[in-house]
Protein backbone atom coordinates (compact mmCIF):
# COMPACT_ATOMS: atom_id res chain seq x y z
CA MET A 1 92.03 70.47 69.91
CA THR A 2 88.28 70.48 70.59
CA ILE A 3 86.14 67.13 72.01
CA GLN A 4 82.90 66.93 71.40
CA LEU A 5 80.97 64.85 72.60
CA PHE A 6 77.14 63.99 72.00
CA VAL A 7 75.25 62.44 74.27
CA PRO A 8 71.89 60.93 73.29
CA CYS A 9 69.39 62.47 76.25
CA PRO A 10 65.59 62.43 74.77
CA GLY A 11 64.81 65.11 77.44
CA ARG A 12 66.70 67.51 74.52
CA PRO A 13 64.25 69.03 71.63
CA ALA A 14 65.47 68.24 68.80
CA ALA A 15 65.84 71.83 67.59
CA GLU A 16 68.49 72.35 70.31
CA ARG A 17 70.70 69.42 69.61
CA ALA A 18 71.10 70.71 65.99
CA THR A 19 71.94 73.98 67.29
CA ALA A 20 74.61 73.11 69.85
CA PRO A 21 77.37 75.51 69.97
CA PRO A 22 80.82 73.13 69.18
CA HIS A 23 82.35 73.83 71.78
CA GLY A 24 83.13 71.49 74.53
CA LEU A 25 80.64 68.87 75.82
CA HIS A 26 77.19 69.46 76.56
CA LEU A 27 75.38 67.83 78.47
CA TRP A 28 71.58 67.48 79.33
CA ASN A 29 69.53 66.38 82.13
CA ARG A 30 65.88 66.99 82.15
CA GLY A 31 64.03 65.53 85.01
CA GLY A 32 60.77 66.64 85.79
CA SER A 33 60.54 70.51 85.38
CA VAL A 34 63.78 71.29 86.15
CA GLU A 35 66.35 71.32 83.63
CA THR A 36 70.24 72.19 83.43
CA ARG A 37 72.74 72.30 81.34
CA LEU A 38 76.06 71.81 81.81
CA ARG A 39 79.45 72.81 79.57
CA LEU A 40 82.89 71.75 79.97
CA PHE A 41 84.89 73.25 78.21
CA MET A 42 88.11 71.80 76.89
CA VAL A 43 91.50 74.25 75.74
CA ASP A 44 91.05 74.68 72.13
CA GLU A 45 94.51 74.00 71.22
CA SER A 46 93.93 74.46 67.41
CA GLY A 47 93.18 78.21 68.65
CA LEU A 48 95.97 79.66 70.05
CA ARG A 49 97.34 81.71 66.96
CA HIS A 50 101.09 83.15 67.29
CA PRO A 51 100.88 84.31 71.41
CA ALA A 52 103.82 86.42 71.03
CA LEU A 53 102.91 87.63 68.47
CA MET A 54 99.42 88.84 69.57
CA THR A 55 100.64 90.14 72.66
CA VAL A 56 103.58 92.56 70.99
CA MET A 57 100.28 93.58 68.71
CA ALA A 58 97.91 94.25 72.01
CA ILE A 59 101.13 96.48 73.67
CA ILE A 60 101.92 98.37 70.79
CA GLY A 61 97.87 99.16 70.43
CA LEU A 62 97.81 99.63 73.56
CA ALA A 63 100.97 102.46 74.03
CA LEU A 64 99.81 104.09 70.81
CA ASN A 65 96.22 104.63 72.32
CA ALA A 66 97.82 105.68 76.18
CA GLY A 67 99.76 108.15 74.12
CA ALA A 68 96.39 109.53 72.46
CA TRP A 69 93.89 109.93 75.15
CA PHE A 70 96.36 112.59 76.47
CA MET A 71 96.73 114.22 74.04
CA ILE A 72 93.99 116.80 74.87
CA GLY A 73 97.05 118.43 76.31
CA VAL A 74 98.46 120.01 73.38
CA VAL A 75 96.09 122.38 73.00
CA VAL A 76 94.93 122.75 76.75
CA ARG A 77 97.07 125.71 78.53
CA PRO A 78 96.31 126.36 81.65
CA LEU A 79 97.11 129.96 81.17
CA GLU A 80 94.54 130.61 78.75
CA LEU A 81 92.02 128.27 79.88
CA GLY A 82 92.77 128.73 83.83
CA SER A 83 92.92 125.78 86.28
CA ALA A 84 89.20 124.65 86.84
CA GLY A 85 88.43 125.31 82.96
CA ALA A 86 91.73 123.01 81.91
CA ALA A 87 91.02 120.41 84.43
CA LEU A 88 87.68 119.67 83.61
CA LEU A 89 88.67 119.23 79.48
CA LEU A 90 91.64 116.79 81.11
CA ALA A 91 88.82 115.12 82.40
CA VAL A 92 86.69 114.37 78.90
CA PRO A 93 89.15 111.50 77.59
CA VAL A 94 89.73 110.19 81.01
CA ALA A 95 85.99 109.87 82.24
CA VAL A 96 84.68 108.78 78.70
CA GLY A 97 87.47 106.35 77.79
CA SER A 98 86.90 104.59 81.67
CA ALA A 99 83.37 104.17 80.69
CA ALA A 100 83.54 103.49 77.35
CA ARG A 101 86.35 100.16 78.40
CA VAL A 102 83.18 98.23 79.23
CA PRO A 103 80.71 98.26 76.38
CA ALA A 104 84.45 97.84 74.03
CA GLY A 105 85.84 94.50 75.81
CA ALA A 106 81.73 93.39 75.74
CA LEU A 107 81.90 93.73 71.98
CA THR A 108 85.56 92.82 71.61
CA ASP A 109 84.74 89.09 73.65
CA ARG A 110 81.81 88.50 71.36
CA TYR A 111 83.45 89.62 68.04
CA GLY A 112 86.94 89.40 68.62
CA ALA A 113 90.32 92.13 68.63
CA ARG A 114 90.18 91.64 64.87
CA VAL A 115 87.41 93.89 64.74
CA VAL A 116 87.26 96.45 67.23
CA MET A 117 91.27 97.08 67.86
CA PRO A 118 91.28 98.90 64.25
CA VAL A 119 87.95 100.59 64.47
CA VAL A 120 89.12 101.86 67.59
CA SER A 121 92.80 102.68 66.39
CA LEU A 122 91.33 104.88 63.51
CA ILE A 123 89.27 106.95 66.16
CA SER A 124 91.63 108.34 67.73
CA ALA A 125 93.94 108.69 64.46
CA GLY A 126 91.07 111.15 63.70
CA SER A 127 90.65 112.48 66.65
CA VAL A 128 94.37 113.06 66.61
CA LEU A 129 94.77 114.78 63.97
CA ALA A 130 91.55 116.79 64.64
CA LEU A 131 93.52 118.16 66.76
CA THR A 132 95.60 120.47 64.56
CA PHE A 133 91.71 121.94 62.91
CA VAL A 134 90.11 122.45 66.50
CA ASP A 135 89.20 126.90 67.15
CA SER A 136 85.70 126.76 69.08
CA GLY A 137 85.06 125.57 72.68
CA PRO A 138 82.50 122.99 71.42
CA ALA A 139 84.41 121.54 68.71
CA LEU A 140 87.71 121.22 71.25
CA VAL A 141 84.59 119.29 73.76
CA ALA A 142 84.23 117.46 70.44
CA VAL A 143 86.94 116.56 69.95
CA ALA A 144 87.69 115.52 73.94
CA VAL A 145 84.96 112.63 73.71
CA ALA A 146 86.23 111.15 70.94
CA LEU A 147 89.75 110.87 72.56
CA GLY A 148 88.26 109.08 75.51
CA LEU A 149 87.53 106.30 73.01
CA ALA A 150 90.88 105.61 73.27
CA GLY A 151 91.45 104.35 76.50
CA THR A 152 88.80 101.18 75.91
CA ALA A 153 92.65 100.19 73.64
CA PHE A 154 93.48 98.83 77.60
CA ALA A 155 90.29 95.92 77.16
CA VAL A 156 90.25 96.33 73.81
CA GLY A 157 94.13 94.39 74.03
CA ALA A 158 93.74 92.59 77.37
CA SER A 159 90.93 89.46 75.57
CA LEU A 160 93.23 89.72 72.66
CA VAL A 161 96.44 88.70 74.98
CA ALA A 162 93.71 86.35 77.23
CA ARG A 163 92.88 84.16 74.04
CA ALA A 164 95.64 84.07 72.58
CA GLY A 165 97.66 81.47 74.21
CA LYS A 166 97.99 78.87 76.43
CA PRO A 167 96.18 79.64 80.23
CA ARG A 168 98.90 77.95 82.16
CA ARG A 169 100.82 81.95 80.40
CA ARG A 170 97.99 84.04 80.54
CA GLY A 171 97.91 86.03 83.59
CA LEU A 172 102.03 86.48 82.48
CA ARG A 173 101.20 87.63 79.40
CA LEU A 174 98.31 90.44 80.53
CA SER A 175 100.60 91.52 84.01
CA VAL A 176 103.09 92.53 80.99
CA PHE A 177 100.48 93.56 78.20
CA GLY A 178 99.36 96.31 80.71
CA ALA A 179 103.35 97.62 80.78
CA GLY A 180 101.71 99.47 77.17
CA VAL A 181 100.18 102.50 79.06
CA ILE A 182 103.18 103.86 78.98
CA GLY A 183 102.63 105.34 75.40
CA ALA A 184 101.27 107.52 77.95
CA ALA A 185 104.83 109.20 79.24
CA PRO A 186 106.68 110.41 76.21
CA ILE A 187 102.80 112.69 76.00
CA LEU A 188 102.14 114.06 79.38
CA GLY A 189 106.71 114.42 79.48
CA ALA A 190 106.75 116.83 76.09
CA VAL A 191 103.49 118.65 76.63
CA PRO A 192 104.61 122.19 78.20
CA LEU A 193 108.35 121.92 76.32
CA LEU A 194 107.43 122.13 72.96
CA ASP A 195 105.59 124.88 70.55
CA ARG A 196 102.79 124.77 68.60
CA ALA A 197 104.65 124.15 65.77
CA ALA A 198 106.47 121.36 66.90
CA TRP A 199 103.22 119.78 68.72
CA HIS A 200 101.49 119.72 65.20
CA ALA A 201 104.15 117.56 63.56
CA VAL A 202 103.92 115.11 66.63
CA THR A 203 99.75 115.38 66.72
CA VAL A 204 100.39 114.92 62.66
CA GLY A 205 103.13 112.16 63.50
CA LEU A 206 100.79 110.34 65.63
CA GLY A 207 97.85 109.90 63.79
CA ALA A 208 99.58 108.68 61.39
CA VAL A 209 101.45 106.03 63.18
CA LEU A 210 98.15 105.32 64.35
CA ALA A 211 96.17 104.82 60.99
CA GLY A 212 99.20 102.98 59.71
CA TYR A 213 98.69 100.19 63.08
CA ALA A 214 94.70 100.00 62.32
CA VAL A 215 95.77 98.68 58.91
CA VAL A 216 98.07 96.46 60.41
CA ALA A 217 95.94 95.07 63.03
CA ALA A 218 93.54 94.19 60.63
CA LEU A 219 95.85 92.12 58.45
CA VAL A 220 97.65 90.69 61.40
CA ILE A 221 95.46 90.16 64.64
CA ARG A 222 93.55 86.66 64.59
CA ASP A 223 91.64 86.21 67.43
CA ALA A 224 91.60 82.20 68.96
CA PRO A 225 87.86 81.18 68.86
CA ALA A 226 85.73 81.75 71.91
CA PRO A 227 82.13 80.29 72.56
CA ALA A 228 79.58 81.35 71.43
CA HIS A 229 77.33 84.45 73.48
CA ARG A 230 73.70 83.10 73.85
CA GLY A 231 71.09 85.88 73.92
CA SER A 232 71.66 90.18 74.07
CA LEU A 233 74.45 91.73 74.92
CA PRO A 234 73.07 93.19 78.11
CA ARG A 235 72.62 90.40 79.80
CA TYR A 236 75.37 88.50 78.90
CA THR A 237 77.17 92.15 80.64
CA LEU A 238 75.44 90.80 83.37
CA ASP A 239 75.75 87.35 83.61
CA VAL A 240 79.57 87.64 83.61
CA LEU A 241 79.27 90.50 86.27
CA ARG A 242 78.17 88.81 88.59
CA PRO A 243 80.68 86.63 90.75
CA PRO A 244 81.54 88.41 93.55
CA ALA A 245 85.15 88.32 92.46
CA THR A 246 84.57 91.10 90.49
CA ARG A 247 83.68 93.65 92.61
CA GLN A 248 86.91 92.67 95.42
CA TRP A 249 88.27 93.50 92.03
CA CYS A 250 87.53 96.66 90.89
CA LEU A 251 87.73 98.19 94.24
CA LEU A 252 91.11 96.86 94.81
CA PHE A 253 91.89 97.92 90.92
CA ALA A 254 91.19 101.10 91.84
CA ALA A 255 92.59 101.29 95.18
CA ALA A 256 96.11 100.86 92.92
CA CYS A 257 95.24 102.92 89.80
CA GLY A 258 93.80 105.55 91.13
CA PRO A 259 96.64 106.93 92.72
CA LEU A 260 98.19 106.69 89.77
CA LEU A 261 95.56 108.05 87.22
CA ALA A 262 95.16 111.21 90.00
CA VAL A 263 99.05 111.91 90.17
CA ALA A 264 99.72 111.63 86.61
CA LEU A 265 96.67 114.54 86.19
CA PHE A 266 97.94 116.26 88.98
CA LEU A 267 101.46 116.36 89.37
CA SER A 268 102.48 118.98 87.37
CA ARG A 269 99.84 121.42 89.53
CA TYR A 270 100.93 119.65 92.97
CA LEU A 271 104.63 120.39 92.01
CA TYR A 272 104.66 124.05 90.80
CA SER A 273 102.07 125.49 93.51
CA THR A 274 103.66 123.49 95.99
CA TYR A 275 107.34 123.38 95.22
CA HIS A 276 107.65 125.44 92.43
CA GLN A 277 108.38 123.52 89.97
CA ALA A 278 108.82 124.69 86.99
CA LEU A 279 105.85 123.54 84.37
CA GLY A 280 108.49 121.98 82.20
CA SER A 281 110.16 120.38 84.90
CA ALA A 282 106.45 119.52 86.83
CA ALA A 283 106.23 117.80 83.30
CA LEU A 284 109.08 115.01 83.54
CA TYR A 285 108.87 114.27 86.83
CA ALA A 286 104.70 113.08 85.78
CA ALA A 287 106.44 111.29 82.93
CA VAL A 288 108.96 109.55 85.35
CA PHE A 289 106.69 108.85 87.20
CA VAL A 290 104.35 106.65 84.68
CA GLY A 291 106.72 105.54 83.96
CA ALA A 292 108.01 103.09 86.45
CA ALA A 293 104.19 102.62 87.73
CA ALA A 294 104.47 100.83 83.88
CA VAL A 295 107.37 98.93 83.61
CA THR A 296 106.44 97.21 87.44
CA ARG A 297 103.25 96.20 85.99
CA PRO A 298 105.43 92.75 84.14
CA ALA A 299 106.98 92.71 87.89
CA GLY A 300 104.12 92.51 89.76
CA GLY A 301 102.73 89.73 87.57
CA TRP A 302 105.73 87.60 88.09
CA LEU A 303 106.03 88.40 92.07
CA THR A 304 102.15 86.74 91.74
CA ALA A 305 103.07 84.33 89.98
CA ARG A 306 105.43 83.12 92.67
CA TYR A 307 104.19 84.78 95.91
CA ARG A 308 100.40 84.40 97.52
CA PRO A 309 98.85 87.36 95.62
CA ALA A 310 97.10 88.82 99.15
CA PRO A 311 99.43 89.37 101.50
CA LEU A 312 102.17 90.90 98.29
CA LEU A 313 99.26 92.66 97.32
CA ALA A 314 98.45 93.93 101.29
CA GLY A 315 102.47 94.95 101.48
CA CYS A 316 101.71 97.55 97.89
CA TYR A 317 99.10 99.22 99.44
CA LEU A 318 100.64 99.32 102.58
CA LEU A 319 103.35 100.95 100.29
CA VAL A 320 101.37 103.35 98.93
CA ALA A 321 99.68 104.65 102.35
CA ALA A 322 102.43 104.76 103.87
CA LEU A 323 104.64 106.83 101.39
CA GLY A 324 101.57 108.83 100.79
CA VAL A 325 101.63 109.82 104.53
CA LEU A 326 105.58 111.22 104.26
CA ILE A 327 104.56 113.33 101.08
CA ALA A 328 101.08 114.78 102.35
CA PHE A 329 103.41 116.46 105.57
CA GLU A 330 105.55 117.95 101.89
CA PRO A 331 109.59 117.27 103.22
CA PRO A 332 112.02 118.48 100.51
CA LEU A 333 111.70 117.83 96.80
CA PRO A 334 114.35 115.41 96.84
CA VAL A 335 112.45 113.23 99.06
CA VAL A 336 109.08 114.02 97.81
CA ILE A 337 110.10 112.75 94.20
CA THR A 338 111.56 109.33 96.06
CA ALA A 339 108.55 109.56 97.10
CA LEU A 340 106.28 109.89 94.33
CA VAL A 341 108.60 106.97 92.46
CA GLY A 342 108.82 104.25 95.42
CA VAL A 343 104.51 105.12 94.98
CA ALA A 344 104.55 104.80 91.81
CA VAL A 345 106.67 100.57 91.79
CA ALA A 346 104.06 99.98 94.99
CA ALA A 347 101.63 100.71 93.32
CA GLY A 348 102.61 99.35 89.44
CA THR A 349 103.42 96.12 91.26
CA ALA A 350 100.29 96.19 92.33
CA ALA A 351 98.09 96.49 89.21
CA GLY A 352 100.19 94.05 87.66
CA GLY A 353 99.13 91.65 89.98
CA LEU A 354 95.58 91.40 89.50
CA LEU A 355 96.27 90.98 86.22
CA TYR A 356 97.96 88.86 86.84
CA VAL A 357 95.41 87.15 88.49
CA ILE A 358 92.25 88.06 87.10
CA GLY A 359 94.02 86.58 83.56
CA ARG A 360 94.56 83.53 85.53
CA ALA A 361 90.93 82.86 87.26
CA VAL A 362 88.36 84.87 84.19
CA PRO A 363 87.66 82.56 81.57
CA PRO A 364 89.83 83.99 77.91
CA GLU A 365 86.46 84.74 75.96
CA GLN A 366 85.26 86.52 79.42
CA THR A 367 88.25 89.21 79.81
CA GLY A 368 87.82 91.71 77.23
CA LEU A 369 84.42 92.74 79.48
CA VAL A 370 85.93 91.76 83.13
CA ILE A 371 88.98 94.42 82.59
CA GLY A 372 86.44 96.83 80.75
CA VAL A 373 84.36 96.97 83.88
CA VAL A 374 88.16 97.12 86.46
CA GLY A 375 89.70 99.42 84.50
CA ALA A 376 86.43 101.23 84.27
CA ALA A 377 86.88 101.76 88.06
CA GLY A 378 90.77 102.35 88.24
CA GLY A 379 89.74 104.76 85.44
CA LEU A 380 87.03 106.89 87.26
CA SER A 381 88.43 106.87 90.87
CA GLY A 382 91.46 108.39 88.85
CA LEU A 383 88.83 111.44 88.64
CA LEU A 384 87.41 110.62 91.75
CA MET A 385 90.61 111.72 93.18
CA THR A 386 91.58 114.14 91.35
CA ALA A 387 88.63 116.31 91.92
CA LEU A 388 89.48 115.39 95.58
CA LEU A 389 92.91 116.77 95.59
CA GLY A 390 91.93 120.52 93.90
CA VAL A 391 88.60 120.83 95.80
CA VAL A 392 90.58 119.71 99.24
CA HIS A 393 93.11 122.78 98.35
CA ALA A 394 90.55 125.64 97.06
CA LEU A 395 89.11 125.13 100.52
CA ASP A 396 92.14 124.63 102.82
CA ALA A 397 94.83 126.37 100.00
CA SER A 398 96.72 122.71 101.35
CA TYR A 399 96.61 119.25 99.85
CA THR A 400 97.72 117.88 103.43
CA ILE A 401 94.25 116.74 103.76
CA GLY A 402 93.65 115.47 100.20
CA ILE A 403 96.61 113.44 99.86
CA MET A 404 95.96 111.65 104.05
CA LEU A 405 92.82 110.90 102.74
CA LEU A 406 93.79 108.97 99.33
CA SER A 407 96.58 107.14 101.55
CA GLY A 408 93.72 106.21 103.70
CA VAL A 409 92.65 104.51 100.58
CA ALA A 410 95.72 102.41 100.09
CA ALA A 411 95.08 101.47 103.89
CA ALA A 412 92.23 100.49 103.93
CA ALA A 413 92.68 98.68 100.46
CA SER A 414 95.65 96.34 102.66
CA TYR A 415 93.41 95.38 105.22
CA LEU A 416 90.76 94.21 103.10
CA CYS A 417 93.31 92.15 101.57
CA ARG A 418 94.46 90.89 105.02
CA ARG A 419 90.79 89.72 106.19
CA HIS A 420 90.05 86.32 105.21
CA GLU A 421 87.12 86.31 102.61
CA TRP A 422 89.22 88.93 100.85
CA PHE A 423 92.57 87.13 100.99
CA ASP A 424 90.71 84.02 99.68
CA ALA A 425 89.22 85.67 96.56
CA LEU A 426 92.72 86.14 95.38
CA SER A 427 93.28 82.97 94.83
CA PHE A 428 92.59 81.56 91.52
CA PRO A 429 88.78 80.33 92.13
CA THR A 430 87.96 79.32 89.01
CA LEU A 431 88.84 76.15 86.32
CA HIS A 432 90.19 76.73 83.42
CA ALA A 433 90.73 73.80 81.49
CA THR A 434 89.75 70.41 82.10
CA PRO A 435 91.12 69.10 85.58
CA ALA A 436 93.76 66.87 85.48
CA ALA A 437 92.19 64.09 87.66
CA LEU A 438 89.00 63.92 85.46
CA ALA A 439 91.08 63.56 81.92
CA ASP A 440 90.11 60.05 82.66
CA ALA A 441 86.68 59.85 83.15
CA LYS A 442 83.95 57.77 81.93
CA TYR A 443 81.60 60.26 81.05
CA THR A 444 78.44 59.49 80.61
CA ALA A 445 74.15 60.83 80.47
CA THR A 446 74.88 61.79 83.95
CA GLY A 447 78.69 63.28 83.77
CA THR A 448 79.04 63.06 88.40
CA THR A 449 81.60 63.90 90.42
CA ALA A 450 82.25 63.15 93.78
CA VAL A 451 84.37 65.34 95.69
CA THR A 452 85.41 65.06 98.97
CA LEU A 453 86.75 67.62 101.63
CA ALA A 454 86.96 67.98 105.15
CA ALA A 455 86.71 70.55 107.45
CA ALA A 456 90.06 71.34 107.94
CA ASP A 457 91.01 72.63 104.01
CA THR A 458 87.77 75.65 105.13
CA VAL A 459 89.39 77.69 107.50
CA ALA A 460 92.25 78.62 105.18
CA ARG A 461 90.71 79.88 102.06
CA PRO A 462 86.61 79.91 103.41
CA GLY A 463 85.84 81.53 99.62
CA THR A 464 88.59 79.51 97.57
CA VAL A 465 86.84 76.61 98.33
CA PRO A 466 83.14 76.93 97.85
CA ALA A 467 84.47 78.77 94.54
CA VAL A 468 85.75 75.97 93.09
CA LEU A 469 83.13 73.91 93.91
CA ALA A 470 80.53 76.11 92.14
CA GLU A 471 82.37 76.42 89.12
CA LEU A 472 82.46 72.45 89.41
CA ALA A 473 78.48 71.79 89.26
CA THR A 474 78.86 74.21 86.19
CA ARG A 475 80.24 71.57 84.63
CA ARG A 476 79.26 68.43 85.89
CA GLU A 477 76.63 67.19 88.50
CA LEU A 478 78.83 67.62 91.06
CA VAL A 479 77.69 66.10 95.21
CA VAL A 480 80.43 67.12 97.97
CA VAL A 481 81.52 65.22 101.01
CA TYR A 482 82.04 67.68 103.96
CA GLY A 483 83.36 65.79 106.38
CA HIS A 484 82.60 67.57 109.42
CA ASP A 485 84.04 66.15 112.69
CA ALA A 486 85.04 68.29 115.98
CA PRO A 487 85.62 71.04 112.95
CA PRO A 488 89.06 73.15 113.90
CA VAL A 489 87.93 76.97 114.88
CA GLY A 490 87.27 78.73 112.06
CA SER A 491 86.34 76.18 109.67
CA LEU A 492 82.86 76.51 107.15
CA SER A 493 79.88 75.04 109.14
CA PRO A 494 77.56 73.04 106.94
CA LEU A 495 75.23 75.69 106.71
CA GLN A 496 77.61 78.11 105.54
CA LEU A 497 79.41 76.24 103.04
CA VAL A 498 75.82 75.59 101.29
CA ALA A 499 75.45 78.98 101.75
CA ALA A 500 78.52 79.77 99.93
CA ILE A 501 77.84 77.33 97.16
CA ARG A 502 74.21 78.84 96.50
CA ASP A 503 75.04 82.36 96.42
CA ARG A 504 77.24 81.92 93.40
CA LEU A 505 74.90 78.59 91.83
CA PRO A 506 71.72 81.27 92.15
CA ARG A 507 70.39 79.48 89.61
CA HIS A 508 70.88 76.33 90.59
CA ARG A 509 69.09 74.34 93.57
CA VAL A 510 72.19 73.52 96.24
CA ALA A 511 70.63 71.57 99.45
CA GLY A 512 72.50 69.44 102.34
CA PHE A 513 72.11 66.32 103.80
CA VAL A 514 73.54 64.83 106.94
CA VAL A 515 74.33 61.40 105.67
CA ASP A 516 74.93 58.52 107.66
CA ALA A 517 78.59 57.23 106.29
CA GLY A 518 78.15 53.62 107.77
CA ASP A 519 74.64 52.21 105.83
CA PRO A 520 74.91 53.36 102.68
CA SER A 521 71.57 52.26 102.43
CA SER A 522 69.99 55.31 104.41
CA ALA A 523 67.15 57.38 102.89
CA GLU A 524 69.84 60.41 102.14
CA TYR A 525 70.92 58.64 99.48
CA ASP A 526 68.07 58.08 97.72
CA LEU A 527 66.85 61.85 98.49
CA ILE A 528 70.84 62.98 96.93
CA ALA A 529 70.19 60.83 93.29
CA ASP A 530 66.85 62.40 93.24
CA LEU A 531 68.26 66.48 93.50
CA LEU A 532 71.28 65.62 91.27
CA ALA A 533 68.97 63.73 87.90
CA ASP A 534 66.86 67.23 88.64
CA GLY A 535 69.63 68.55 87.98
CA GLY A 536 70.94 70.30 91.89
CA VAL A 537 74.23 69.80 93.97
CA ALA A 538 74.38 68.07 96.97
CA VAL A 539 76.12 69.10 99.57
CA ALA A 540 76.68 65.38 102.10
CA VAL A 541 77.18 65.84 105.73
CA VAL A 542 79.44 62.92 107.32
CA ASP A 543 80.56 62.67 110.55
CA ALA A 544 84.16 61.59 110.30
CA ALA A 545 87.66 63.80 109.45
CA ASP A 546 88.36 62.22 106.68
CA PRO A 547 85.45 61.15 103.72
CA ALA A 548 86.95 59.80 101.48
CA ARG A 549 84.93 56.40 102.64
CA ALA A 550 81.96 57.30 102.39
CA ALA A 551 82.93 59.77 99.67
CA ALA A 552 83.68 56.05 97.74
CA ALA A 553 80.25 54.33 99.15
CA LEU A 554 78.24 57.58 97.92
CA ALA A 555 79.89 57.67 94.17
CA ASP A 556 79.17 54.38 93.93
CA ARG A 557 75.19 54.69 95.13
CA VAL A 558 74.78 57.78 92.54
CA GLY A 559 76.90 56.14 89.76
CA ALA A 560 79.36 59.18 89.82
CA ASP A 561 82.30 58.01 87.23
CA SER A 562 85.27 60.58 89.11
CA VAL A 563 86.18 61.22 93.32
CA LEU A 564 87.74 63.83 93.73
CA ARG A 565 89.19 65.71 96.27
CA LEU A 566 90.19 69.42 97.33
CA VAL A 567 94.08 70.18 98.00
CA LEU A 568 95.17 72.88 99.15
CA ASP A 569 98.27 74.89 97.49
CA PRO A 570 99.89 77.48 99.16
CA ARG A 571 100.32 80.08 95.41
CA ASP A 572 97.29 78.54 93.05
CA GLY A 573 94.86 78.62 96.51
CA VAL A 574 92.76 75.30 95.77
CA ARG A 575 93.26 72.58 92.82
CA LEU A 576 91.83 69.09 92.55
CA GLU A 577 93.34 65.22 92.64
CA ALA A 578 92.02 62.02 92.61
CA GLU A 579 90.50 60.56 95.90
CA SER A 580 93.57 57.81 95.10
CA GLY A 581 91.65 55.15 94.49
CA ALA A 582 89.08 55.60 97.28
CA ALA A 583 85.75 54.04 94.92
CA ASP A 584 88.09 51.20 94.15
CA ALA A 585 89.64 50.18 97.24
CA ALA A 586 85.78 50.38 99.02
CA ARG A 587 83.94 48.16 96.29
CA ARG A 588 86.86 45.47 96.25
CA ALA A 589 86.57 45.24 100.50
CA GLY A 590 83.21 45.15 99.83
CA ALA A 591 81.74 47.84 101.64
CA LEU A 592 79.31 48.76 98.41
CA THR A 593 76.23 47.24 97.61
């Protein structure tokens, strides 16, 4: 259901009250010249429309368009165009599709997959059918550019899947959806095996299926309603991409998908030149590689749902690096094939785990854009890795150095996952629905929440804690009561905590105060109340290991309607729970005045 509450606030213009979007709770508070808008989104269960059917439609669309993405191989024959020309032409759809994922994801978030997916599929169908008629270089390049748009189905389908069901299943559904790239495997494996007449039939058949899918998608797909996006599309894009986690996901997804795409594009030539395999056999190995990477993505999501994501990802990247070093020294062919399958399984598991994390962390109305950016990073990194292998081979007549460099990239990703700040960013830093601890809160014109936090709770996850607090601050007026008595080594200092929250809330005023927990009448309490009235975020530092009592006093002083505490969870990172009646206990004890 959708809960809509109208809070009387004299400072808000009547025109803005009349045009407010009907999604969730909108609180307005004007203090002086500062106006802050807090939005508390509820889970709109009325918009959950057959999540299983929507997921299946998204997977089918991704599989068909992934096949079309590599269909340029129908007319590219390395022996006719030369290795350089063929590699360049094969790279055009990948480059275009990777770059176009960003605007495609943003458009899907705004207009819905019911509009964008049929358009993408129709363009893919027309491009595939056009392959049967091209007879010149410029026409072939134009078709290759159009085929590149098929790669945007990854971002479009991800947005559909994210908005189709309940939050607790979103991450796993997104990793299952990622297996749709298996549609590229038959195309990669069949390129050198069929004659022109057979390829003509395959091309016409795939184009007809894509066109039929576009019609079915327009009739079947139903997008769950999303909040209206205000402002221009470029500004919305920049706002969504501002969080540091997006950049980290891009780097890690590039390290996971870059080698997969590089091997898919380069494996046939590598096996042909190094092991003297026929192009047909080499293409079949490439198809097996892509298939293994695709089917292990759901497994990556399933494992990430049960274990801490960062160690799992670090292990996957480390395995990719180790197997890459083995491949670089050109062992016997059976060993190489086994190692390549291992790389596919490890990289596919890492990609599925990242999709799970993104599905859990990103609001559904922004998933298309975030997946578009992350997918673009993966596609473009694959092109760069492919170019690196080609350049190194041209200079050294060997792939050893190039493969070692790619192994170094995977090893660096494993190291970054093990660092605290990267380890932490992979926990689920945002809150999707209203926390259960806020379910019974009495919403007022202030809607203030006090959160207790002990210094010891910031040691293991120094990045996730500020991220959760910053997310909550976008929904409620927030005061953090930080207990910093005899802090353990590795905990966040008060200045670090304030700076971390401020980095995530560039448009908010964030300030820290040293508060005497035993003196509720101190002037700092009044300063905190004034800051909250101006829409700021306050961090009250108390000299106590357990800040619950100080939080209760402060909550009463500023009129907070809920007191929460941060709880560390070995799998989900950080969650919010009610502070066991701390405020009521303090009131009954007469500690509050």
